[in-house]
Amino acid sequence: MTATLERTEPGRAAPARTRRARRKRLQVLAFMSPWIIGFSLFFAYPLLATGYFSLTSYDLLSPPDWVGLRNYAYLLFGDPVVRIAAANTLWLVLVLTALRVVFALGVAAVIARLRRGVGLVRTLCYLPALAPPVAATLAFTFLFNPGTGPVNGLLGLLGIDGPLWFNDPAWAKPALTLLTLWGSGELMIIMLAALLDVPQELHEAAALDGAGPIGRFWHVTIPSIAPVLLFGVVNSIIFSLQYFTQAVVAGAVASGQAEVVGSSKVLGFPDNATLTFPAWLYQQGFHYYNMGYAAAMAVVLFAFSLGFTALLIRRMRGGTNAEEVA
């Protein structure tokens, strides 16, 4: 039997490779199609539509009327209320982000050192995160009621005059911060997983070098969980920029008119102290029907969130790379 050697011409091999590569790309696209469709329908199209409507005067009833950058000009220079809302949101971004990350890390560090009852304590710390935001806010406004709430009652037994909490412009945002910290169980679980993943050998080596508990935590634990801390900071910033439900419900309940939640009479109570940027955006779009102006506010909020997050990630990565080079 004579073996025959088949020679493949170069011109035929190239189309075969091209067909295989095309088939592989089609398979990848087929597997990615659910994500692509979802991204296009629920992110790309709404983002483009919001950008378009932000350049128009639109009230949901009549066709949009092109006004160019007039909405942005009014947002930056003409609307006095939006400055208050932006200042409140910025306060939440700075204070709430720092406290939320530190609080979640502190609780996770305490749980990681427990020897007994770890499962019970972990469950109790996580349970508040499962409470619906409206129900949790209602419970907090009851607990912090300045006249009948148990918190001020307990402070009174200790000889301390409790503040007015949600009824005081100076204490409304700190009360919202306490509410948010109480429900930060999800971030705490993520921090706990990161702490438990730190190699014990690193702590033992640092202890042999004479490092104390604080030194080991600062020089071993923090660098080891730096990516998780970055995630916590970014997550908290986005959460603070979108702060809406708790602020609106707390203001309405504290004002005594919870049945008209979202109306201009109770929004931001007291004295616009709980008025956030998303709340004013909602008011403009769905109460005043200034949908074009609300779209401009949404674009600014998205751009600010994207820019702030990108800058933070870049600086954190730059610091990490510098430490690795050193």
C-alpha atoms as a PDB file:
ATOM      1  CA  MET A   1       0.000   0.000   0.000  1.00  0.00           C
ATOM      2  CA  THR A   2       1.405   3.308  -1.042  1.00  0.00           C
ATOM      3  CA  ALA A   3       0.894   6.215   1.273  1.00  0.00           C
ATOM      4  CA  THR A   4      -0.056   9.381  -0.518  1.00  0.00           C
ATOM      5  CA  LEU A   5       0.835  12.713   0.941  1.00  0.00           C
ATOM      6  CA  GLU A   6      -1.891  15.303   0.560  1.00  0.00           C
ATOM      7  CA  ARG A   7      -0.619  18.738  -0.015  1.00  0.00           C
ATOM      8  CA  THR A   8      -2.737  21.614   1.075  1.00  0.00           C
ATOM      9  CA  GLU A   9      -2.489  24.677  -1.037  1.00  0.00           C
ATOM     10  CA  PRO A  10      -1.839  27.924   0.871  1.00  0.00           C
ATOM     11  CA  GLY A  11      -4.903  29.510  -0.698  1.00  0.00           C
ATOM     12  CA  ARG A  12      -7.209  26.857   0.791  1.00  0.00           C
ATOM     13  CA  ALA A  13      -5.733  26.865   4.318  1.00  0.00           C
ATOM     14  CA  ALA A  14      -6.333  30.582   4.876  1.00  0.00           C
ATOM     15  CA  PRO A  15     -10.123  30.461   4.253  1.00  0.00           C
ATOM     16  CA  ALA A  16     -10.415  27.445   6.588  1.00  0.00           C
ATOM     17  CA  ARG A  17      -8.677  29.303   9.390  1.00  0.00           C
ATOM     18  CA  THR A  18     -10.823  32.346   8.726  1.00  0.00           C
ATOM     19  CA  ARG A  19     -14.020  30.271   8.944  1.00  0.00           C
ATOM     20  CA  ARG A  20     -12.891  28.701  12.231  1.00  0.00           C
ATOM     21  CA  ALA A  21     -12.036  32.104  13.687  1.00  0.00           C
ATOM     22  CA  ARG A  22     -15.383  33.515  12.549  1.00  0.00           C
ATOM     23  CA  ARG A  23     -17.233  30.533  14.020  1.00  0.00           C
ATOM     24  CA  LYS A  24     -15.402  31.001  17.314  1.00  0.00           C
ATOM     25  CA  ARG A  25     -16.278  34.694  17.424  1.00  0.00           C
ATOM     26  CA  LEU A  26     -19.932  33.868  16.727  1.00  0.00           C
ATOM     27  CA  GLN A  27     -19.912  31.355  19.596  1.00  0.00           C
ATOM     28  CA  VAL A  28     -18.474  33.963  21.954  1.00  0.00           C
ATOM     29  CA  LEU A  29     -21.080  36.499  20.850  1.00  0.00           C
ATOM     30  CA  ALA A  30     -23.838  33.913  21.340  1.00  0.00           C
ATOM     31  CA  PHE A  31     -22.751  33.307  24.933  1.00  0.00           C
ATOM     32  CA  MET A  32     -22.414  37.056  25.546  1.00  0.00           C
ATOM     33  CA  SER A  33     -25.690  37.967  23.855  1.00  0.00           C
ATOM     34  CA  PRO A  34     -27.797  38.034  27.077  1.00  0.00           C
ATOM     35  CA  TRP A  35     -25.357  40.522  28.630  1.00  0.00           C
ATOM     36  CA  ILE A  36     -25.095  42.556  25.422  1.00  0.00           C
ATOM     37  CA  ILE A  37     -28.884  42.781  25.105  1.00  0.00           C
ATOM     38  CA  GLY A  38     -29.293  43.707  28.753  1.00  0.00           C
ATOM     39  CA  PHE A  39     -26.508  46.290  28.591  1.00  0.00           C
ATOM     40  CA  SER A  40     -27.979  47.844  25.451  1.00  0.00           C
ATOM     41  CA  LEU A  41     -31.571  47.981  26.702  1.00  0.00           C
ATOM     42  CA  PHE A  42     -31.026  48.920  30.338  1.00  0.00           C
ATOM     43  CA  PHE A  43     -27.841  51.020  30.248  1.00  0.00           C
ATOM     44  CA  ALA A  44     -26.678  52.203  26.823  1.00  0.00           C
ATOM     45  CA  TYR A  45     -30.088  53.256  25.468  1.00  0.00           C
ATOM     46  CA  PRO A  46     -31.251  54.992  28.702  1.00  0.00           C
ATOM     47  CA  LEU A  47     -27.900  56.781  28.941  1.00  0.00           C
ATOM     48  CA  LEU A  48     -28.092  58.054  25.356  1.00  0.00           C
ATOM     49  CA  ALA A  49     -31.764  59.003  25.766  1.00  0.00           C
ATOM     50  CA  THR A  50     -30.981  60.876  28.985  1.00  0.00           C
ATOM     51  CA  GLY A  51     -28.191  62.764  27.228  1.00  0.00           C
ATOM     52  CA  TYR A  52     -30.573  63.743  24.440  1.00  0.00           C
ATOM     53  CA  PHE A  53     -33.439  64.815  26.712  1.00  0.00           C
ATOM     54  CA  SER A  54     -31.011  66.861  28.824  1.00  0.00           C
ATOM     55  CA  LEU A  55     -30.651  69.170  25.816  1.00  0.00           C
ATOM     56  CA  THR A  56     -34.396  69.643  25.462  1.00  0.00           C
ATOM     57  CA  SER A  57     -37.395  71.068  27.297  1.00  0.00           C
ATOM     58  CA  TYR A  58     -39.590  68.034  27.880  1.00  0.00           C
ATOM     59  CA  ASP A  59     -42.626  67.495  30.123  1.00  0.00           C
ATOM     60  CA  LEU A  60     -43.602  63.899  29.148  1.00  0.00           C
ATOM     61  CA  LEU A  61     -46.759  65.186  27.444  1.00  0.00           C
ATOM     62  CA  SER A  62     -45.606  67.348  24.540  1.00  0.00           C
ATOM     63  CA  PRO A  63     -42.760  66.626  22.111  1.00  0.00           C
ATOM     64  CA  PRO A  64     -39.297  67.632  23.363  1.00  0.00           C
ATOM     65  CA  ASP A  65     -38.184  71.125  22.387  1.00  0.00           C
ATOM     66  CA  TRP A  66     -34.452  71.596  21.724  1.00  0.00           C
ATOM     67  CA  VAL A  67     -32.880  74.133  24.100  1.00  0.00           C
ATOM     68  CA  GLY A  68     -29.186  73.207  23.886  1.00  0.00           C
ATOM     69  CA  LEU A  69     -27.191  73.757  27.067  1.00  0.00           C
ATOM     70  CA  ARG A  70     -29.841  75.879  28.770  1.00  0.00           C
ATOM     71  CA  ASN A  71     -30.661  73.166  31.333  1.00  0.00           C
ATOM     72  CA  TYR A  72     -27.004  72.845  32.296  1.00  0.00           C
ATOM     73  CA  ALA A  73     -26.649  76.607  32.601  1.00  0.00           C
ATOM     74  CA  TYR A  74     -29.638  76.774  34.934  1.00  0.00           C
ATOM     75  CA  LEU A  75     -28.281  73.816  36.916  1.00  0.00           C
ATOM     76  CA  LEU A  76     -24.906  75.475  37.444  1.00  0.00           C
ATOM     77  CA  PHE A  77     -25.901  79.111  37.851  1.00  0.00           C
ATOM     78  CA  GLY A  78     -29.665  79.523  38.254  1.00  0.00           C
ATOM     79  CA  ASP A  79     -31.104  76.918  40.618  1.00  0.00           C
ATOM     80  CA  PRO A  80     -30.512  77.872  44.276  1.00  0.00           C
ATOM     81  CA  VAL A  81     -32.040  74.657  45.669  1.00  0.00           C
ATOM     82  CA  VAL A  82     -29.739  72.362  43.717  1.00  0.00           C
ATOM     83  CA  ARG A  83     -26.754  73.858  45.530  1.00  0.00           C
ATOM     84  CA  ILE A  84     -28.256  72.853  48.883  1.00  0.00           C
ATOM     85  CA  ALA A  85     -28.994  69.368  47.580  1.00  0.00           C
ATOM     86  CA  ALA A  86     -25.477  69.032  46.157  1.00  0.00           C
ATOM     87  CA  ALA A  87     -23.942  70.202  49.437  1.00  0.00           C
ATOM     88  CA  ASN A  88     -25.968  67.647  51.412  1.00  0.00           C
ATOM     89  CA  THR A  89     -24.969  64.881  49.011  1.00  0.00           C
ATOM     90  CA  LEU A  90     -21.322  65.918  49.179  1.00  0.00           C
ATOM     91  CA  TRP A  91     -21.530  65.805  52.992  1.00  0.00           C
ATOM     92  CA  LEU A  92     -22.865  62.266  52.776  1.00  0.00           C
ATOM     93  CA  VAL A  93     -20.146  61.251  50.309  1.00  0.00           C
ATOM     94  CA  LEU A  94     -17.348  62.480  52.556  1.00  0.00           C
ATOM     95  CA  VAL A  95     -18.682  61.544  55.994  1.00  0.00           C
ATOM     96  CA  LEU A  96     -20.749  58.494  55.193  1.00  0.00           C
ATOM     97  CA  THR A  97     -18.078  56.884  53.004  1.00  0.00           C
ATOM     98  CA  ALA A  98     -15.366  57.195  55.643  1.00  0.00           C
ATOM     99  CA  LEU A  99     -17.558  56.063  58.532  1.00  0.00           C
ATOM    100  CA  ARG A 100     -19.152  53.203  56.585  1.00  0.00           C
ATOM    101  CA  VAL A 101     -15.813  51.691  55.574  1.00  0.00           C
ATOM    102  CA  VAL A 102     -14.257  52.154  59.029  1.00  0.00           C
ATOM    103  CA  PHE A 103     -17.353  50.819  60.796  1.00  0.00           C
ATOM    104  CA  ALA A 104     -17.622  47.744  58.574  1.00  0.00           C
ATOM    105  CA  LEU A 105     -13.898  47.046  58.930  1.00  0.00           C
ATOM    106  CA  GLY A 106     -14.031  47.487  62.714  1.00  0.00           C
ATOM    107  CA  VAL A 107     -16.993  45.146  63.158  1.00  0.00           C
ATOM    108  CA  ALA A 108     -15.379  42.590  60.841  1.00  0.00           C
ATOM    109  CA  ALA A 109     -12.112  42.776  62.809  1.00  0.00           C
ATOM    110  CA  VAL A 110     -13.965  42.145  66.082  1.00  0.00           C
ATOM    111  CA  ILE A 111     -15.863  39.169  64.631  1.00  0.00           C
ATOM    112  CA  ALA A 112     -12.657  37.724  63.156  1.00  0.00           C
ATOM    113  CA  ARG A 113     -11.144  37.563  66.671  1.00  0.00           C
ATOM    114  CA  LEU A 114     -14.093  35.825  68.288  1.00  0.00           C
ATOM    115  CA  ARG A 115     -13.673  32.209  69.366  1.00  0.00           C
ATOM    116  CA  ARG A 116     -17.258  31.377  70.340  1.00  0.00           C
ATOM    117  CA  GLY A 117     -20.598  32.330  68.902  1.00  0.00           C
ATOM    118  CA  VAL A 118     -19.083  33.606  65.657  1.00  0.00           C
ATOM    119  CA  GLY A 119     -22.005  32.425  63.544  1.00  0.00           C
ATOM    120  CA  LEU A 120     -24.599  34.047  65.800  1.00  0.00           C
ATOM    121  CA  VAL A 121     -22.774  37.385  66.009  1.00  0.00           C
ATOM    122  CA  ARG A 122     -22.137  37.415  62.270  1.00  0.00           C
ATOM    123  CA  THR A 123     -25.817  36.745  61.589  1.00  0.00           C
ATOM    124  CA  LEU A 124     -26.977  39.448  63.990  1.00  0.00           C
ATOM    125  CA  CYS A 125     -24.641  42.002  62.387  1.00  0.00           C
ATOM    126  CA  TYR A 126     -25.812  41.093  58.903  1.00  0.00           C
ATOM    127  CA  LEU A 127     -29.568  40.969  59.576  1.00  0.00           C
ATOM    128  CA  PRO A 128     -30.104  44.786  59.439  1.00  0.00           C
ATOM    129  CA  ALA A 129     -28.906  44.743  55.818  1.00  0.00           C
ATOM    130  CA  LEU A 130     -31.926  42.569  54.958  1.00  0.00           C
ATOM    131  CA  ALA A 131     -34.437  45.116  56.255  1.00  0.00           C
ATOM    132  CA  PRO A 132     -36.242  47.054  53.483  1.00  0.00           C
ATOM    133  CA  PRO A 133     -35.037  50.686  53.403  1.00  0.00           C
ATOM    134  CA  VAL A 134     -38.501  52.124  54.058  1.00  0.00           C
ATOM    135  CA  ALA A 135     -39.171  49.818  57.012  1.00  0.00           C
ATOM    136  CA  ALA A 136     -35.718  50.458  58.482  1.00  0.00           C
ATOM    137  CA  THR A 137     -36.196  54.223  58.178  1.00  0.00           C
ATOM    138  CA  LEU A 138     -39.601  54.073  59.826  1.00  0.00           C
ATOM    139  CA  ALA A 139     -38.134  52.082  62.704  1.00  0.00           C
ATOM    140  CA  PHE A 140     -35.269  54.534  63.122  1.00  0.00           C
ATOM    141  CA  THR A 141     -37.521  57.581  63.136  1.00  0.00           C
ATOM    142  CA  PHE A 142     -39.516  55.889  65.905  1.00  0.00           C
ATOM    143  CA  LEU A 143     -36.400  55.014  67.911  1.00  0.00           C
ATOM    144  CA  PHE A 144     -34.996  58.533  67.533  1.00  0.00           C
ATOM    145  CA  ASN A 145     -38.257  60.362  68.114  1.00  0.00           C
ATOM    146  CA  PRO A 146     -37.225  63.347  70.265  1.00  0.00           C
ATOM    147  CA  GLY A 147     -40.297  63.134  72.492  1.00  0.00           C
ATOM    148  CA  THR A 148     -41.238  59.463  72.825  1.00  0.00           C
ATOM    149  CA  GLY A 149     -38.290  57.577  71.329  1.00  0.00           C
ATOM    150  CA  PRO A 150     -36.370  55.092  73.504  1.00  0.00           C
ATOM    151  CA  VAL A 151     -32.998  56.555  72.483  1.00  0.00           C
ATOM    152  CA  ASN A 152     -33.681  59.951  74.055  1.00  0.00           C
ATOM    153  CA  GLY A 153     -35.387  58.172  76.945  1.00  0.00           C
ATOM    154  CA  LEU A 154     -32.203  56.218  77.645  1.00  0.00           C
ATOM    155  CA  LEU A 155     -30.120  59.385  77.322  1.00  0.00           C
ATOM    156  CA  GLY A 156     -32.454  61.092  79.776  1.00  0.00           C
ATOM    157  CA  LEU A 157     -31.815  58.351  82.340  1.00  0.00           C
ATOM    158  CA  LEU A 158     -28.120  59.106  81.978  1.00  0.00           C
ATOM    159  CA  GLY A 159     -28.731  62.824  82.551  1.00  0.00           C
ATOM    160  CA  ILE A 160     -28.185  63.784  78.901  1.00  0.00           C
ATOM    161  CA  ASP A 161     -30.623  65.938  76.974  1.00  0.00           C
ATOM    162  CA  GLY A 162     -31.080  64.123  73.681  1.00  0.00           C
ATOM    163  CA  PRO A 163     -31.136  66.131  70.448  1.00  0.00           C
ATOM    164  CA  LEU A 164     -34.106  66.453  68.148  1.00  0.00           C
ATOM    165  CA  TRP A 165     -32.464  64.097  65.622  1.00  0.00           C
ATOM    166  CA  PHE A 166     -34.538  64.080  62.411  1.00  0.00           C
ATOM    167  CA  ASN A 167     -36.396  67.227  63.490  1.00  0.00           C
ATOM    168  CA  ASP A 168     -33.195  69.272  63.854  1.00  0.00           C
ATOM    169  CA  PRO A 169     -31.344  70.497  60.728  1.00  0.00           C
ATOM    170  CA  ALA A 170     -28.018  70.055  62.534  1.00  0.00           C
ATOM    171  CA  TRP A 171     -28.734  66.439  63.514  1.00  0.00           C
ATOM    172  CA  ALA A 172     -30.759  65.147  60.560  1.00  0.00           C
ATOM    173  CA  LYS A 173     -27.781  64.067  58.446  1.00  0.00           C
ATOM    174  CA  PRO A 174     -25.918  62.468  61.407  1.00  0.00           C
ATOM    175  CA  ALA A 175     -29.116  60.526  62.168  1.00  0.00           C
ATOM    176  CA  LEU A 176     -29.236  59.333  58.557  1.00  0.00           C
ATOM    177  CA  THR A 177     -25.593  58.324  58.904  1.00  0.00           C
ATOM    178  CA  LEU A 178     -26.399  56.198  61.965  1.00  0.00           C
ATOM    179  CA  LEU A 179     -29.229  54.582  60.011  1.00  0.00           C
ATOM    180  CA  THR A 180     -26.874  53.711  57.157  1.00  0.00           C
ATOM    181  CA  LEU A 181     -24.167  52.365  59.451  1.00  0.00           C
ATOM    182  CA  TRP A 182     -26.738  50.124  61.132  1.00  0.00           C
ATOM    183  CA  GLY A 183     -27.544  48.565  57.743  1.00  0.00           C
ATOM    184  CA  SER A 184     -23.983  48.126  56.427  1.00  0.00           C
ATOM    185  CA  GLY A 185     -23.931  44.361  57.004  1.00  0.00           C
ATOM    186  CA  GLU A 186     -23.163  43.515  53.370  1.00  0.00           C
ATOM    187  CA  LEU A 187     -19.916  45.477  53.403  1.00  0.00           C
ATOM    188  CA  MET A 188     -19.058  43.996  56.797  1.00  0.00           C
ATOM    189  CA  ILE A 189     -19.346  40.450  55.416  1.00  0.00           C
ATOM    190  CA  ILE A 190     -17.036  41.339  52.526  1.00  0.00           C
ATOM    191  CA  MET A 191     -14.504  42.855  54.928  1.00  0.00           C
ATOM    192  CA  LEU A 192     -14.716  39.792  57.181  1.00  0.00           C
ATOM    193  CA  ALA A 193     -13.984  37.460  54.272  1.00  0.00           C
ATOM    194  CA  ALA A 194     -10.963  39.582  53.335  1.00  0.00           C
ATOM    195  CA  LEU A 195      -9.629  39.587  56.902  1.00  0.00           C
ATOM    196  CA  LEU A 196      -9.955  35.824  57.212  1.00  0.00           C
ATOM    197  CA  ASP A 197      -8.092  35.429  53.923  1.00  0.00           C
ATOM    198  CA  VAL A 198      -4.955  37.229  55.172  1.00  0.00           C
ATOM    199  CA  PRO A 199      -2.184  34.597  55.594  1.00  0.00           C
ATOM    200  CA  GLN A 200      -1.459  33.904  59.247  1.00  0.00           C
ATOM    201  CA  GLU A 201       2.236  33.499  58.428  1.00  0.00           C
ATOM    202  CA  LEU A 202       2.489  37.224  57.724  1.00  0.00           C
ATOM    203  CA  HIS A 203       1.161  38.068  61.195  1.00  0.00           C
ATOM    204  CA  GLU A 204       3.546  35.578  62.801  1.00  0.00           C
ATOM    205  CA  ALA A 205       6.537  36.998  60.911  1.00  0.00           C
ATOM    206  CA  ALA A 206       5.586  40.553  61.899  1.00  0.00           C
ATOM    207  CA  ALA A 207       5.179  39.456  65.539  1.00  0.00           C
ATOM    208  CA  LEU A 208       8.671  37.912  65.487  1.00  0.00           C
ATOM    209  CA  ASP A 209       9.999  41.241  64.219  1.00  0.00           C
ATOM    210  CA  GLY A 210       8.506  42.954  67.275  1.00  0.00           C
ATOM    211  CA  ALA A 211       5.334  44.414  65.742  1.00  0.00           C
ATOM    212  CA  GLY A 212       2.428  44.841  68.138  1.00  0.00           C
ATOM    213  CA  PRO A 213      -1.271  44.332  67.345  1.00  0.00           C
ATOM    214  CA  ILE A 214      -1.668  47.850  65.950  1.00  0.00           C
ATOM    215  CA  GLY A 215       1.513  47.555  63.899  1.00  0.00           C
ATOM    216  CA  ARG A 216       0.466  44.188  62.483  1.00  0.00           C
ATOM    217  CA  PHE A 217      -2.960  45.534  61.600  1.00  0.00           C
ATOM    218  CA  TRP A 218      -1.546  48.646  59.913  1.00  0.00           C
ATOM    219  CA  HIS A 219       1.424  47.104  58.091  1.00  0.00           C
ATOM    220  CA  VAL A 220       0.117  43.594  57.381  1.00  0.00           C
ATOM    221  CA  THR A 221      -3.668  43.538  57.372  1.00  0.00           C
ATOM    222  CA  ILE A 222      -4.382  46.847  55.633  1.00  0.00           C
ATOM    223  CA  PRO A 223      -1.999  46.243  52.665  1.00  0.00           C
ATOM    224  CA  SER A 224      -3.326  42.689  52.286  1.00  0.00           C
ATOM    225  CA  ILE A 225      -6.948  43.810  52.008  1.00  0.00           C
ATOM    226  CA  ALA A 226      -6.273  47.015  50.046  1.00  0.00           C
ATOM    227  CA  PRO A 227      -8.322  45.877  46.982  1.00  0.00           C
ATOM    228  CA  VAL A 228     -11.311  45.122  49.212  1.00  0.00           C
ATOM    229  CA  LEU A 229     -10.956  48.498  50.922  1.00  0.00           C
ATOM    230  CA  LEU A 230     -10.918  50.142  47.504  1.00  0.00           C
ATOM    231  CA  PHE A 231     -14.105  48.282  46.608  1.00  0.00           C
ATOM    232  CA  GLY A 232     -15.683  49.412  49.885  1.00  0.00           C
ATOM    233  CA  VAL A 233     -14.786  53.049  49.256  1.00  0.00           C
ATOM    234  CA  VAL A 234     -16.067  53.018  45.665  1.00  0.00           C
ATOM    235  CA  ASN A 235     -19.233  51.181  46.694  1.00  0.00           C
ATOM    236  CA  SER A 236     -19.868  53.661  49.518  1.00  0.00           C
ATOM    237  CA  ILE A 237     -19.319  56.662  47.246  1.00  0.00           C
ATOM    238  CA  ILE A 238     -21.808  55.361  44.695  1.00  0.00           C
ATOM    239  CA  PHE A 239     -24.249  54.527  47.500  1.00  0.00           C
ATOM    240  CA  SER A 240     -23.942  58.049  48.945  1.00  0.00           C
ATOM    241  CA  LEU A 241     -24.391  59.723  45.564  1.00  0.00           C
ATOM    242  CA  GLN A 242     -27.618  57.758  45.052  1.00  0.00           C
ATOM    243  CA  TYR A 243     -28.960  58.352  48.574  1.00  0.00           C
ATOM    244  CA  PHE A 244     -32.696  58.809  48.153  1.00  0.00           C
ATOM    245  CA  THR A 245     -35.196  56.545  49.909  1.00  0.00           C
ATOM    246  CA  GLN A 246     -34.018  56.934  53.494  1.00  0.00           C
ATOM    247  CA  ALA A 247     -33.736  60.721  53.251  1.00  0.00           C
ATOM    248  CA  VAL A 248     -37.197  61.179  51.699  1.00  0.00           C
ATOM    249  CA  VAL A 249     -38.967  58.806  54.104  1.00  0.00           C
ATOM    250  CA  ALA A 250     -37.202  60.187  57.186  1.00  0.00           C
ATOM    251  CA  GLY A 251     -38.089  63.762  56.257  1.00  0.00           C
ATOM    252  CA  ALA A 252     -41.723  62.887  55.616  1.00  0.00           C
ATOM    253  CA  VAL A 253     -42.160  60.908  58.853  1.00  0.00           C
ATOM    254  CA  ALA A 254     -40.359  63.506  60.980  1.00  0.00           C
ATOM    255  CA  SER A 255     -42.581  66.226  59.548  1.00  0.00           C
ATOM    256  CA  GLY A 256     -45.700  64.312  60.599  1.00  0.00           C
ATOM    257  CA  GLN A 257     -47.012  64.084  57.023  1.00  0.00           C
ATOM    258  CA  ALA A 258     -45.885  60.640  55.945  1.00  0.00           C
ATOM    259  CA  GLU A 259     -48.968  60.231  53.747  1.00  0.00           C
ATOM    260  CA  VAL A 260     -47.570  62.817  51.294  1.00  0.00           C
ATOM    261  CA  VAL A 261     -44.091  61.386  50.910  1.00  0.00           C
ATOM    262  CA  GLY A 262     -42.207  63.126  48.126  1.00  0.00           C
ATOM    263  CA  SER A 263     -44.312  66.281  48.016  1.00  0.00           C
ATOM    264  CA  SER A 264     -42.635  69.664  48.062  1.00  0.00           C
ATOM    265  CA  LYS A 265     -44.122  70.370  51.517  1.00  0.00           C
ATOM    266  CA  VAL A 266     -42.104  67.671  53.288  1.00  0.00           C
ATOM    267  CA  LEU A 267     -39.190  67.065  50.906  1.00  0.00           C
ATOM    268  CA  GLY A 268     -35.926  67.859  52.670  1.00  0.00           C
ATOM    269  CA  PHE A 269     -37.524  68.360  56.097  1.00  0.00           C
ATOM    270  CA  PRO A 270     -36.263  70.014  58.236  1.00  0.00           C
ATOM    271  CA  ASP A 271     -35.087  73.116  56.350  1.00  0.00           C
ATOM    272  CA  ASN A 272     -33.771  71.089  53.388  1.00  0.00           C
ATOM    273  CA  ALA A 273     -31.345  69.247  55.684  1.00  0.00           C
ATOM    274  CA  THR A 274     -32.337  65.875  54.202  1.00  0.00           C
ATOM    275  CA  LEU A 275     -32.692  67.100  50.618  1.00  0.00           C
ATOM    276  CA  THR A 276     -30.253  65.099  48.489  1.00  0.00           C
ATOM    277  CA  PHE A 277     -29.357  65.547  44.845  1.00  0.00           C
ATOM    278  CA  PRO A 278     -31.324  62.456  43.696  1.00  0.00           C
ATOM    279  CA  ALA A 279     -34.348  63.614  45.703  1.00  0.00           C
ATOM    280  CA  TRP A 280     -34.348  67.025  43.991  1.00  0.00           C
ATOM    281  CA  LEU A 281     -33.850  65.276  40.641  1.00  0.00           C
ATOM    282  CA  TYR A 282     -36.932  63.150  41.319  1.00  0.00           C
ATOM    283  CA  GLN A 283     -38.888  66.235  42.369  1.00  0.00           C
ATOM    284  CA  GLN A 284     -38.031  68.073  39.155  1.00  0.00           C
ATOM    285  CA  GLY A 285     -38.830  65.130  36.906  1.00  0.00           C
ATOM    286  CA  PHE A 286     -41.935  63.568  38.428  1.00  0.00           C
ATOM    287  CA  HIS A 287     -43.564  66.405  40.386  1.00  0.00           C
ATOM    288  CA  TYR A 288     -42.756  69.465  38.297  1.00  0.00           C
ATOM    289  CA  TYR A 289     -42.478  67.489  35.029  1.00  0.00           C
ATOM    290  CA  ASN A 290     -39.247  69.261  34.095  1.00  0.00           C
ATOM    291  CA  MET A 291     -37.934  66.061  32.562  1.00  0.00           C
ATOM    292  CA  GLY A 292     -35.304  67.836  30.462  1.00  0.00           C
ATOM    293  CA  TYR A 293     -33.830  69.535  33.515  1.00  0.00           C
ATOM    294  CA  ALA A 294     -34.027  66.278  35.500  1.00  0.00           C
ATOM    295  CA  ALA A 295     -32.159  64.517  32.680  1.00  0.00           C
ATOM    296  CA  ALA A 296     -29.436  67.180  32.844  1.00  0.00           C
ATOM    297  CA  MET A 297     -29.139  66.582  36.583  1.00  0.00           C
ATOM    298  CA  ALA A 298     -28.873  62.833  35.951  1.00  0.00           C
ATOM    299  CA  VAL A 299     -26.095  63.363  33.393  1.00  0.00           C
ATOM    300  CA  VAL A 300     -24.152  65.555  35.826  1.00  0.00           C
ATOM    301  CA  LEU A 301     -24.591  63.003  38.606  1.00  0.00           C
ATOM    302  CA  PHE A 302     -23.408  60.188  36.337  1.00  0.00           C
ATOM    303  CA  ALA A 303     -20.405  62.175  35.119  1.00  0.00           C
ATOM    304  CA  PHE A 304     -19.441  63.124  38.665  1.00  0.00           C
ATOM    305  CA  SER A 305     -19.770  59.523  39.859  1.00  0.00           C
ATOM    306  CA  LEU A 306     -17.747  58.173  36.946  1.00  0.00           C
ATOM    307  CA  GLY A 307     -15.017  60.792  37.233  1.00  0.00           C
ATOM    308  CA  PHE A 308     -14.706  60.558  41.012  1.00  0.00           C
ATOM    309  CA  THR A 309     -14.550  56.756  40.944  1.00  0.00           C
ATOM    310  CA  ALA A 310     -12.021  56.665  38.093  1.00  0.00           C
ATOM    311  CA  LEU A 311      -9.798  59.214  39.861  1.00  0.00           C
ATOM    312  CA  LEU A 312      -9.952  57.264  43.121  1.00  0.00           C
ATOM    313  CA  ILE A 313      -9.114  53.949  41.436  1.00  0.00           C
ATOM    314  CA  ARG A 314      -6.238  55.548  39.556  1.00  0.00           C
ATOM    315  CA  ARG A 315      -4.747  57.085  42.684  1.00  0.00           C
ATOM    316  CA  MET A 316      -5.138  53.864  44.654  1.00  0.00           C
ATOM    317  CA  ARG A 317      -3.503  51.825  41.916  1.00  0.00           C
ATOM    318  CA  GLY A 318      -0.712  54.383  41.603  1.00  0.00           C
ATOM    319  CA  GLY A 319      -0.024  54.140  45.329  1.00  0.00           C
ATOM    320  CA  THR A 320      -0.056  50.330  45.219  1.00  0.00           C
ATOM    321  CA  ASN A 321       2.351  50.215  42.272  1.00  0.00           C
ATOM    322  CA  ALA A 322       4.693  52.652  43.995  1.00  0.00           C
ATOM    323  CA  GLU A 323       4.775  50.469  47.095  1.00  0.00           C
ATOM    324  CA  GLU A 324       5.520  47.378  45.005  1.00  0.00           C
ATOM    325  CA  VAL A 325       8.403  49.137  43.217  1.00  0.00           C
ATOM    326  CA  ALA A 326       9.805  50.349  46.524  1.00  0.00           C
END
